[in-house]
Amino acid sequence: MLERWKIRDDAIHIISLIEKPIEDFVEGLGYPLLPKDMRLLDVDVMVQQKTLRSKIKSISKLVEILTEWRHPLTKEIFKKKAIILHIELTDEWALYLKLPFDITRYIALFGMIGAHGIFIFTAPNSRTFVITAYTQSFTQTDQIEVRRLLIEKDNITRTDIENIAELREFTKFSSNLIDKFCEALPYKKVGEGFFNEYHNLFQSLTQKLEKVFPKEFERYGYAQRLLGRLAFLYFLQRKGWLDNDKAYLKKWIGKLK
């Protein structure tokens, strides 16, 4: 029971951080912020590609931590900076497009020499922000895998909370921070967690349907249809296609309680 309360309180704390301005959000995760007069970067220098640059309003370096990093192939140890950038885009719709991927990839290639970063994208008057992390190939440095977490403050999900909690945990590994940044926002971990919980929910639901459907194939069929339709409704909600409300299901379920 105590563990359950601890998890709940932790989630509430992370949700409260999400509501804060980005600087306070990052500091609340435990990262030391640079002095204000050292944060603002020159967009023209950081991003020289004209199309990308035209979509960026400002770039700020919020965090810079000098740490050691061991090359996984040569085992040599290098000094490397762990950096968190705040990139403000010109409009909100850009957050939902591939632009954060493209900017992350570009800066990782040309603007992060001797460093590795996590990027946070915002837009004016938007209650949505994007966090990107990336992994760069050690043999072909132009190959970069970018991962994205899109957070809507009015529709915070469990996946959002779990990933942000993990970013907070990274502060405990200052000597290994670069590797932790490379592992941030893992697709596989989130995917496995989702399917494990889906499987458990499916099994629980079929058991509770025994009195309604005596035959196993009927219970399985009903449970599969129900969960499939709920997943589809959630997809429509994330797209804003349910009454243009991305918290539509949460509100209606709340009314039914």
C-alpha atoms as a PDB file:
ATOM      1  CA  MET A   1       0.000   0.000   0.000  1.00  0.00           C
ATOM      2  CA  LEU A   2       2.821   2.404   0.884  1.00  0.00           C
ATOM      3  CA  GLU A   3       4.483   1.664  -2.455  1.00  0.00           C
ATOM      4  CA  ARG A   4       1.226   2.475  -4.277  1.00  0.00           C
ATOM      5  CA  TRP A   5       0.968   5.833  -2.481  1.00  0.00           C
ATOM      6  CA  LYS A   6       4.613   6.581  -3.309  1.00  0.00           C
ATOM      7  CA  ILE A   7       3.970   5.912  -7.008  1.00  0.00           C
ATOM      8  CA  ARG A   8       0.856   8.093  -6.933  1.00  0.00           C
ATOM      9  CA  ASP A   9       2.639  10.989  -5.203  1.00  0.00           C
ATOM     10  CA  ASP A  10       5.526  10.676  -7.654  1.00  0.00           C
ATOM     11  CA  ALA A  11       3.137  10.894 -10.619  1.00  0.00           C
ATOM     12  CA  ILE A  12       1.450  13.962  -9.108  1.00  0.00           C
ATOM     13  CA  HIS A  13       4.852  15.611  -8.682  1.00  0.00           C
ATOM     14  CA  ILE A  14       5.798  14.952 -12.323  1.00  0.00           C
ATOM     15  CA  ILE A  15       2.434  16.269 -13.559  1.00  0.00           C
ATOM     16  CA  SER A  16       3.037  19.452 -11.559  1.00  0.00           C
ATOM     17  CA  LEU A  17       6.467  19.790 -13.197  1.00  0.00           C
ATOM     18  CA  ILE A  18       4.948  19.429 -16.676  1.00  0.00           C
ATOM     19  CA  GLU A  19       2.757  22.476 -15.983  1.00  0.00           C
ATOM     20  CA  LYS A  20       5.779  24.654 -15.217  1.00  0.00           C
ATOM     21  CA  PRO A  21       7.798  26.765 -17.696  1.00  0.00           C
ATOM     22  CA  ILE A  22      10.486  24.683 -19.423  1.00  0.00           C
ATOM     23  CA  GLU A  23      13.352  26.131 -17.360  1.00  0.00           C
ATOM     24  CA  ASP A  24      11.569  25.246 -14.100  1.00  0.00           C
ATOM     25  CA  PHE A  25      10.601  21.850 -15.531  1.00  0.00           C
ATOM     26  CA  VAL A  26      14.235  20.972 -16.268  1.00  0.00           C
ATOM     27  CA  GLU A  27      15.447  22.291 -12.919  1.00  0.00           C
ATOM     28  CA  GLY A  28      12.677  20.338 -11.186  1.00  0.00           C
ATOM     29  CA  LEU A  29      14.052  17.148 -12.733  1.00  0.00           C
ATOM     30  CA  GLY A  30      17.308  17.818 -10.892  1.00  0.00           C
ATOM     31  CA  TYR A  31      19.490  19.320 -13.623  1.00  0.00           C
ATOM     32  CA  PRO A  32      21.557  22.424 -12.731  1.00  0.00           C
ATOM     33  CA  LEU A  33      20.646  25.331 -15.016  1.00  0.00           C
ATOM     34  CA  LEU A  34      23.241  27.545 -16.637  1.00  0.00           C
ATOM     35  CA  PRO A  35      23.196  31.238 -15.636  1.00  0.00           C
ATOM     36  CA  LYS A  36      20.635  33.156 -17.693  1.00  0.00           C
ATOM     37  CA  ASP A  37      23.262  35.230 -19.492  1.00  0.00           C
ATOM     38  CA  MET A  38      24.909  32.038 -20.824  1.00  0.00           C
ATOM     39  CA  ARG A  39      21.819  30.300 -22.217  1.00  0.00           C
ATOM     40  CA  LEU A  40      20.857  32.045 -25.457  1.00  0.00           C
ATOM     41  CA  LEU A  41      22.533  30.620 -28.578  1.00  0.00           C
ATOM     42  CA  ASP A  42      22.815  32.076 -32.082  1.00  0.00           C
ATOM     43  CA  VAL A  43      20.226  30.317 -34.263  1.00  0.00           C
ATOM     44  CA  ASP A  44      22.113  31.244 -37.448  1.00  0.00           C
ATOM     45  CA  VAL A  45      25.243  29.525 -36.142  1.00  0.00           C
ATOM     46  CA  MET A  46      23.500  26.444 -34.720  1.00  0.00           C
ATOM     47  CA  VAL A  47      21.275  25.808 -37.755  1.00  0.00           C
ATOM     48  CA  GLN A  48      22.600  27.033 -41.074  1.00  0.00           C
ATOM     49  CA  GLN A  49      20.099  25.097 -43.164  1.00  0.00           C
ATOM     50  CA  LYS A  50      17.713  27.822 -44.323  1.00  0.00           C
ATOM     51  CA  THR A  51      14.435  25.878 -44.267  1.00  0.00           C
ATOM     52  CA  LEU A  52      14.991  24.563 -40.740  1.00  0.00           C
ATOM     53  CA  ARG A  53      16.273  27.893 -39.466  1.00  0.00           C
ATOM     54  CA  SER A  54      13.166  29.714 -40.682  1.00  0.00           C
ATOM     55  CA  LYS A  55      11.009  27.575 -38.344  1.00  0.00           C
ATOM     56  CA  ILE A  56      13.074  28.304 -35.206  1.00  0.00           C
ATOM     57  CA  LYS A  57      12.356  31.307 -33.008  1.00  0.00           C
ATOM     58  CA  SER A  58      15.151  30.771 -30.466  1.00  0.00           C
ATOM     59  CA  ILE A  59      17.582  28.189 -29.066  1.00  0.00           C
ATOM     60  CA  SER A  60      18.708  28.181 -25.442  1.00  0.00           C
ATOM     61  CA  LYS A  61      21.223  25.921 -23.743  1.00  0.00           C
ATOM     62  CA  LEU A  62      19.715  25.229 -20.343  1.00  0.00           C
ATOM     63  CA  VAL A  63      22.130  22.579 -19.072  1.00  0.00           C
ATOM     64  CA  GLU A  64      25.774  21.784 -19.748  1.00  0.00           C
ATOM     65  CA  ILE A  65      27.481  19.125 -17.625  1.00  0.00           C
ATOM     66  CA  LEU A  66      31.058  18.038 -18.332  1.00  0.00           C
ATOM     67  CA  THR A  67      31.348  14.300 -17.817  1.00  0.00           C
ATOM     68  CA  GLU A  68      33.444  11.323 -18.872  1.00  0.00           C
ATOM     69  CA  TRP A  69      32.327   8.979 -21.611  1.00  0.00           C
ATOM     70  CA  ARG A  70      33.796   5.602 -22.536  1.00  0.00           C
ATOM     71  CA  HIS A  71      33.719   4.798 -26.257  1.00  0.00           C
ATOM     72  CA  PRO A  72      31.913   1.435 -26.545  1.00  0.00           C
ATOM     73  CA  LEU A  73      34.209   0.193 -29.330  1.00  0.00           C
ATOM     74  CA  THR A  74      37.694   1.495 -28.455  1.00  0.00           C
ATOM     75  CA  LYS A  75      37.032   1.681 -24.674  1.00  0.00           C
ATOM     76  CA  GLU A  76      38.873   5.011 -24.601  1.00  0.00           C
ATOM     77  CA  ILE A  77      37.620   7.603 -22.125  1.00  0.00           C
ATOM     78  CA  PHE A  78      36.809  11.096 -23.369  1.00  0.00           C
ATOM     79  CA  LYS A  79      35.594  14.306 -21.803  1.00  0.00           C
ATOM     80  CA  LYS A  80      32.146  15.053 -23.202  1.00  0.00           C
ATOM     81  CA  LYS A  81      29.372  17.517 -22.416  1.00  0.00           C
ATOM     82  CA  ALA A  82      25.823  16.442 -21.612  1.00  0.00           C
ATOM     83  CA  ILE A  83      23.555  19.227 -22.867  1.00  0.00           C
ATOM     84  CA  ILE A  84      19.852  20.057 -22.712  1.00  0.00           C
ATOM     85  CA  LEU A  85      18.622  22.527 -25.341  1.00  0.00           C
ATOM     86  CA  HIS A  86      15.339  24.411 -25.380  1.00  0.00           C
ATOM     87  CA  ILE A  87      14.271  25.110 -28.960  1.00  0.00           C
ATOM     88  CA  GLU A  88      11.280  27.391 -29.476  1.00  0.00           C
ATOM     89  CA  LEU A  89       9.601  26.915 -32.853  1.00  0.00           C
ATOM     90  CA  THR A  90       7.600  29.570 -34.679  1.00  0.00           C
ATOM     91  CA  ASP A  91       4.223  27.823 -34.488  1.00  0.00           C
ATOM     92  CA  GLU A  92       2.470  24.996 -32.651  1.00  0.00           C
ATOM     93  CA  TRP A  93       1.724  22.812 -35.663  1.00  0.00           C
ATOM     94  CA  ALA A  94       5.444  22.315 -36.226  1.00  0.00           C
ATOM     95  CA  LEU A  95       5.545  20.325 -32.968  1.00  0.00           C
ATOM     96  CA  TYR A  96       3.301  17.665 -34.501  1.00  0.00           C
ATOM     97  CA  LEU A  97       5.244  17.361 -37.753  1.00  0.00           C
ATOM     98  CA  LYS A  98       8.659  15.822 -38.477  1.00  0.00           C
ATOM     99  CA  LEU A  99      10.429  19.139 -37.838  1.00  0.00           C
ATOM    100  CA  PRO A 100      11.669  18.198 -34.323  1.00  0.00           C
ATOM    101  CA  PHE A 101      13.178  15.041 -35.857  1.00  0.00           C
ATOM    102  CA  ASP A 102      14.913  17.024 -38.607  1.00  0.00           C
ATOM    103  CA  ILE A 103      16.254  19.724 -36.287  1.00  0.00           C
ATOM    104  CA  THR A 104      17.481  17.154 -33.770  1.00  0.00           C
ATOM    105  CA  ARG A 105      19.270  15.232 -36.505  1.00  0.00           C
ATOM    106  CA  TYR A 106      20.842  18.390 -37.945  1.00  0.00           C
ATOM    107  CA  ILE A 107      22.119  19.762 -34.611  1.00  0.00           C
ATOM    108  CA  ALA A 108      23.376  16.327 -33.569  1.00  0.00           C
ATOM    109  CA  LEU A 109      25.454  16.181 -36.769  1.00  0.00           C
ATOM    110  CA  PHE A 110      26.745  19.737 -36.966  1.00  0.00           C
ATOM    111  CA  GLY A 111      26.201  21.488 -33.648  1.00  0.00           C
ATOM    112  CA  MET A 112      27.087  18.944 -30.951  1.00  0.00           C
ATOM    113  CA  ILE A 113      30.810  18.331 -31.435  1.00  0.00           C
ATOM    114  CA  GLY A 114      32.177  16.918 -28.193  1.00  0.00           C
ATOM    115  CA  ALA A 115      28.697  16.801 -26.711  1.00  0.00           C
ATOM    116  CA  HIS A 116      25.470  14.829 -26.617  1.00  0.00           C
ATOM    117  CA  GLY A 117      22.081  16.308 -25.906  1.00  0.00           C
ATOM    118  CA  ILE A 118      18.400  16.067 -25.204  1.00  0.00           C
ATOM    119  CA  PHE A 119      16.235  18.664 -26.922  1.00  0.00           C
ATOM    120  CA  ILE A 120      12.965  20.204 -25.734  1.00  0.00           C
ATOM    121  CA  PHE A 121      10.772  21.887 -28.343  1.00  0.00           C
ATOM    122  CA  THR A 122       8.056  24.408 -27.545  1.00  0.00           C
ATOM    123  CA  ALA A 123       5.977  26.946 -29.464  1.00  0.00           C
ATOM    124  CA  PRO A 124       4.416  30.284 -28.467  1.00  0.00           C
ATOM    125  CA  ASN A 125       1.117  30.002 -26.547  1.00  0.00           C
ATOM    126  CA  SER A 126       1.128  26.211 -26.850  1.00  0.00           C
ATOM    127  CA  ARG A 127       0.314  23.718 -24.111  1.00  0.00           C
ATOM    128  CA  THR A 128       2.207  21.037 -25.992  1.00  0.00           C
ATOM    129  CA  PHE A 129       5.928  20.373 -25.994  1.00  0.00           C
ATOM    130  CA  VAL A 130       8.211  17.745 -27.495  1.00  0.00           C
ATOM    131  CA  ILE A 131      11.282  16.058 -26.040  1.00  0.00           C
ATOM    132  CA  THR A 132      13.698  14.355 -28.427  1.00  0.00           C
ATOM    133  CA  ALA A 133      16.618  12.049 -27.754  1.00  0.00           C
ATOM    134  CA  TYR A 134      18.875  10.344 -30.256  1.00  0.00           C
ATOM    135  CA  THR A 135      21.420   7.609 -30.784  1.00  0.00           C
ATOM    136  CA  GLN A 136      24.271   8.091 -33.229  1.00  0.00           C
ATOM    137  CA  SER A 137      26.038   5.217 -35.006  1.00  0.00           C
ATOM    138  CA  PHE A 138      29.687   4.852 -33.967  1.00  0.00           C
ATOM    139  CA  THR A 139      30.753   3.505 -37.349  1.00  0.00           C
ATOM    140  CA  GLN A 140      28.618   5.741 -39.590  1.00  0.00           C
ATOM    141  CA  THR A 141      28.185   9.036 -37.767  1.00  0.00           C
ATOM    142  CA  ASP A 142      25.637  10.369 -40.274  1.00  0.00           C
ATOM    143  CA  GLN A 143      23.202   7.653 -39.161  1.00  0.00           C
ATOM    144  CA  ILE A 144      21.133   9.045 -36.288  1.00  0.00           C
ATOM    145  CA  GLU A 145      18.041   7.483 -34.742  1.00  0.00           C
ATOM    146  CA  VAL A 146      15.776  10.150 -33.234  1.00  0.00           C
ATOM    147  CA  ARG A 147      13.089   9.310 -30.673  1.00  0.00           C
ATOM    148  CA  ARG A 148      10.294  11.690 -29.716  1.00  0.00           C
ATOM    149  CA  LEU A 149       7.968  12.170 -26.759  1.00  0.00           C
ATOM    150  CA  LEU A 150       5.052  14.534 -27.481  1.00  0.00           C
ATOM    151  CA  ILE A 151       3.470  15.853 -24.296  1.00  0.00           C
ATOM    152  CA  GLU A 152       0.094  17.584 -24.236  1.00  0.00           C
ATOM    153  CA  LYS A 153      -0.418  19.261 -20.885  1.00  0.00           C
ATOM    154  CA  ASP A 154      -4.178  18.804 -21.106  1.00  0.00           C
ATOM    155  CA  ASN A 155      -3.875  15.076 -21.797  1.00  0.00           C
ATOM    156  CA  ILE A 156      -0.903  13.674 -19.879  1.00  0.00           C
ATOM    157  CA  THR A 157      -0.477   9.924 -20.317  1.00  0.00           C
ATOM    158  CA  ARG A 158       1.183   7.257 -18.235  1.00  0.00           C
ATOM    159  CA  THR A 159       3.871   6.934 -20.914  1.00  0.00           C
ATOM    160  CA  ASP A 160       4.653  10.641 -20.507  1.00  0.00           C
ATOM    161  CA  ILE A 161       5.023  10.266 -16.739  1.00  0.00           C
ATOM    162  CA  GLU A 162       7.205   7.149 -16.973  1.00  0.00           C
ATOM    163  CA  ASN A 163       9.588   8.678 -19.515  1.00  0.00           C
ATOM    164  CA  ILE A 164       9.943  11.932 -17.596  1.00  0.00           C
ATOM    165  CA  ALA A 165      10.525   9.999 -14.370  1.00  0.00           C
ATOM    166  CA  GLU A 166      13.362   8.218 -16.139  1.00  0.00           C
ATOM    167  CA  LEU A 167      14.884  11.532 -17.271  1.00  0.00           C
ATOM    168  CA  ARG A 168      14.856  12.588 -13.622  1.00  0.00           C
ATOM    169  CA  GLU A 169      16.594   9.367 -12.589  1.00  0.00           C
ATOM    170  CA  PHE A 170      19.467  10.161 -14.983  1.00  0.00           C
ATOM    171  CA  THR A 171      20.675  12.886 -12.609  1.00  0.00           C
ATOM    172  CA  LYS A 172      21.838  10.112 -10.271  1.00  0.00           C
ATOM    173  CA  PHE A 173      24.318   8.901 -12.917  1.00  0.00           C
ATOM    174  CA  SER A 174      26.466  11.998 -13.532  1.00  0.00           C
ATOM    175  CA  SER A 175      29.481   9.839 -14.392  1.00  0.00           C
ATOM    176  CA  ASN A 176      27.419   7.947 -16.981  1.00  0.00           C
ATOM    177  CA  LEU A 177      25.110  10.723 -18.160  1.00  0.00           C
ATOM    178  CA  ILE A 178      26.002  10.543 -21.858  1.00  0.00           C
ATOM    179  CA  ASP A 179      25.039   6.871 -22.065  1.00  0.00           C
ATOM    180  CA  LYS A 180      21.807   7.621 -20.208  1.00  0.00           C
ATOM    181  CA  PHE A 181      20.945  10.397 -22.668  1.00  0.00           C
ATOM    182  CA  CYS A 182      21.528   7.926 -25.518  1.00  0.00           C
ATOM    183  CA  GLU A 183      19.060   5.507 -23.906  1.00  0.00           C
ATOM    184  CA  ALA A 184      16.332   8.104 -23.243  1.00  0.00           C
ATOM    185  CA  LEU A 185      12.760   7.649 -24.539  1.00  0.00           C
ATOM    186  CA  PRO A 186      13.166   3.978 -25.491  1.00  0.00           C
ATOM    187  CA  TYR A 187      10.620   2.727 -28.038  1.00  0.00           C
ATOM    188  CA  LYS A 188      11.143  -0.917 -27.087  1.00  0.00           C
ATOM    189  CA  LYS A 189      10.649  -0.438 -23.362  1.00  0.00           C
ATOM    190  CA  VAL A 190       7.406   1.493 -23.808  1.00  0.00           C
ATOM    191  CA  GLY A 191       6.160  -1.021 -26.376  1.00  0.00           C
ATOM    192  CA  GLU A 192       6.871  -4.030 -24.176  1.00  0.00           C
ATOM    193  CA  GLY A 193       5.258  -2.367 -21.165  1.00  0.00           C
ATOM    194  CA  PHE A 194       2.121  -1.579 -23.173  1.00  0.00           C
ATOM    195  CA  PHE A 195       1.725  -5.109 -24.519  1.00  0.00           C
ATOM    196  CA  ASN A 196       2.360  -6.693 -21.116  1.00  0.00           C
ATOM    197  CA  GLU A 197      -0.354  -4.558 -19.531  1.00  0.00           C
ATOM    198  CA  TYR A 198      -2.679  -5.144 -22.483  1.00  0.00           C
ATOM    199  CA  HIS A 199      -2.198  -8.913 -22.049  1.00  0.00           C
ATOM    200  CA  ASN A 200      -2.904  -8.722 -18.298  1.00  0.00           C
ATOM    201  CA  LEU A 201      -6.013  -6.603 -18.868  1.00  0.00           C
ATOM    202  CA  PHE A 202      -7.214  -9.000 -21.571  1.00  0.00           C
ATOM    203  CA  GLN A 203      -6.825 -12.001 -19.233  1.00  0.00           C
ATOM    204  CA  SER A 204      -8.583 -10.186 -16.371  1.00  0.00           C
ATOM    205  CA  LEU A 205     -11.456  -9.119 -18.617  1.00  0.00           C
ATOM    206  CA  THR A 206     -12.037 -12.617 -20.026  1.00  0.00           C
ATOM    207  CA  GLN A 207     -12.189 -14.038 -16.497  1.00  0.00           C
ATOM    208  CA  LYS A 208     -14.825 -11.492 -15.449  1.00  0.00           C
ATOM    209  CA  LEU A 209     -16.895 -12.368 -18.535  1.00  0.00           C
ATOM    210  CA  GLU A 210     -17.277 -16.034 -17.570  1.00  0.00           C
ATOM    211  CA  LYS A 211     -20.784 -15.514 -16.132  1.00  0.00           C
ATOM    212  CA  VAL A 212     -21.929 -13.672 -19.246  1.00  0.00           C
ATOM    213  CA  PHE A 213     -20.275 -15.863 -21.898  1.00  0.00           C
ATOM    214  CA  PRO A 214     -19.901 -19.515 -20.820  1.00  0.00           C
ATOM    215  CA  LYS A 215     -17.869 -20.428 -23.910  1.00  0.00           C
ATOM    216  CA  GLU A 216     -14.214 -19.447 -23.997  1.00  0.00           C
ATOM    217  CA  PHE A 217     -14.176 -18.331 -27.652  1.00  0.00           C
ATOM    218  CA  GLU A 218     -17.116 -15.985 -26.946  1.00  0.00           C
ATOM    219  CA  ARG A 219     -15.300 -14.374 -24.006  1.00  0.00           C
ATOM    220  CA  TYR A 220     -12.086 -13.984 -26.022  1.00  0.00           C
ATOM    221  CA  GLY A 221     -13.927 -12.539 -28.984  1.00  0.00           C
ATOM    222  CA  TYR A 222     -15.841  -9.990 -26.901  1.00  0.00           C
ATOM    223  CA  ALA A 223     -12.752  -8.906 -24.938  1.00  0.00           C
ATOM    224  CA  GLN A 224     -10.723  -8.526 -28.127  1.00  0.00           C
ATOM    225  CA  ARG A 225     -13.401  -6.404 -29.811  1.00  0.00           C
ATOM    226  CA  LEU A 226     -13.896  -4.206 -26.741  1.00  0.00           C
ATOM    227  CA  LEU A 227     -10.199  -3.486 -26.173  1.00  0.00           C
ATOM    228  CA  GLY A 228      -9.620  -3.000 -29.898  1.00  0.00           C
ATOM    229  CA  ARG A 229     -12.412  -0.427 -30.088  1.00  0.00           C
ATOM    230  CA  LEU A 230     -11.118   1.389 -27.002  1.00  0.00           C
ATOM    231  CA  ALA A 231      -7.638   1.531 -28.524  1.00  0.00           C
ATOM    232  CA  PHE A 232      -9.131   2.938 -31.737  1.00  0.00           C
ATOM    233  CA  LEU A 233     -11.068   5.577 -29.778  1.00  0.00           C
ATOM    234  CA  TYR A 234      -7.852   6.560 -28.021  1.00  0.00           C
ATOM    235  CA  PHE A 235      -6.147   6.943 -31.412  1.00  0.00           C
ATOM    236  CA  LEU A 236      -8.991   9.221 -32.574  1.00  0.00           C
ATOM    237  CA  GLN A 237      -8.692  11.219 -29.354  1.00  0.00           C
ATOM    238  CA  ARG A 238      -4.931  11.747 -29.795  1.00  0.00           C
ATOM    239  CA  LYS A 239      -5.634  13.088 -33.265  1.00  0.00           C
ATOM    240  CA  GLY A 240      -8.234  15.495 -31.864  1.00  0.00           C
ATOM    241  CA  TRP A 241     -11.023  13.875 -33.859  1.00  0.00           C
ATOM    242  CA  LEU A 242     -13.392  13.340 -30.912  1.00  0.00           C
ATOM    243  CA  ASP A 243     -15.219  16.664 -30.667  1.00  0.00           C
ATOM    244  CA  ASN A 244     -11.821  18.378 -31.133  1.00  0.00           C
ATOM    245  CA  ASP A 245     -11.042  17.401 -27.518  1.00  0.00           C
ATOM    246  CA  LYS A 246      -7.838  15.479 -26.708  1.00  0.00           C
ATOM    247  CA  ALA A 247      -9.143  14.660 -23.233  1.00  0.00           C
ATOM    248  CA  TYR A 248     -12.566  13.549 -24.488  1.00  0.00           C
ATOM    249  CA  LEU A 249     -12.517  10.001 -23.089  1.00  0.00           C
ATOM    250  CA  LYS A 250     -11.132  11.041 -19.732  1.00  0.00           C
ATOM    251  CA  LYS A 251     -13.910  13.605 -19.287  1.00  0.00           C
ATOM    252  CA  TRP A 252     -16.721  11.218 -20.266  1.00  0.00           C
ATOM    253  CA  ILE A 253     -15.413   8.384 -18.119  1.00  0.00           C
ATOM    254  CA  GLY A 254     -15.247  10.850 -15.227  1.00  0.00           C
ATOM    255  CA  LYS A 255     -18.924  11.710 -15.762  1.00  0.00           C
ATOM    256  CA  LEU A 256     -19.895   8.037 -15.623  1.00  0.00           C
ATOM    257  CA  LYS A 257     -18.266   7.408 -12.253  1.00  0.00           C
END
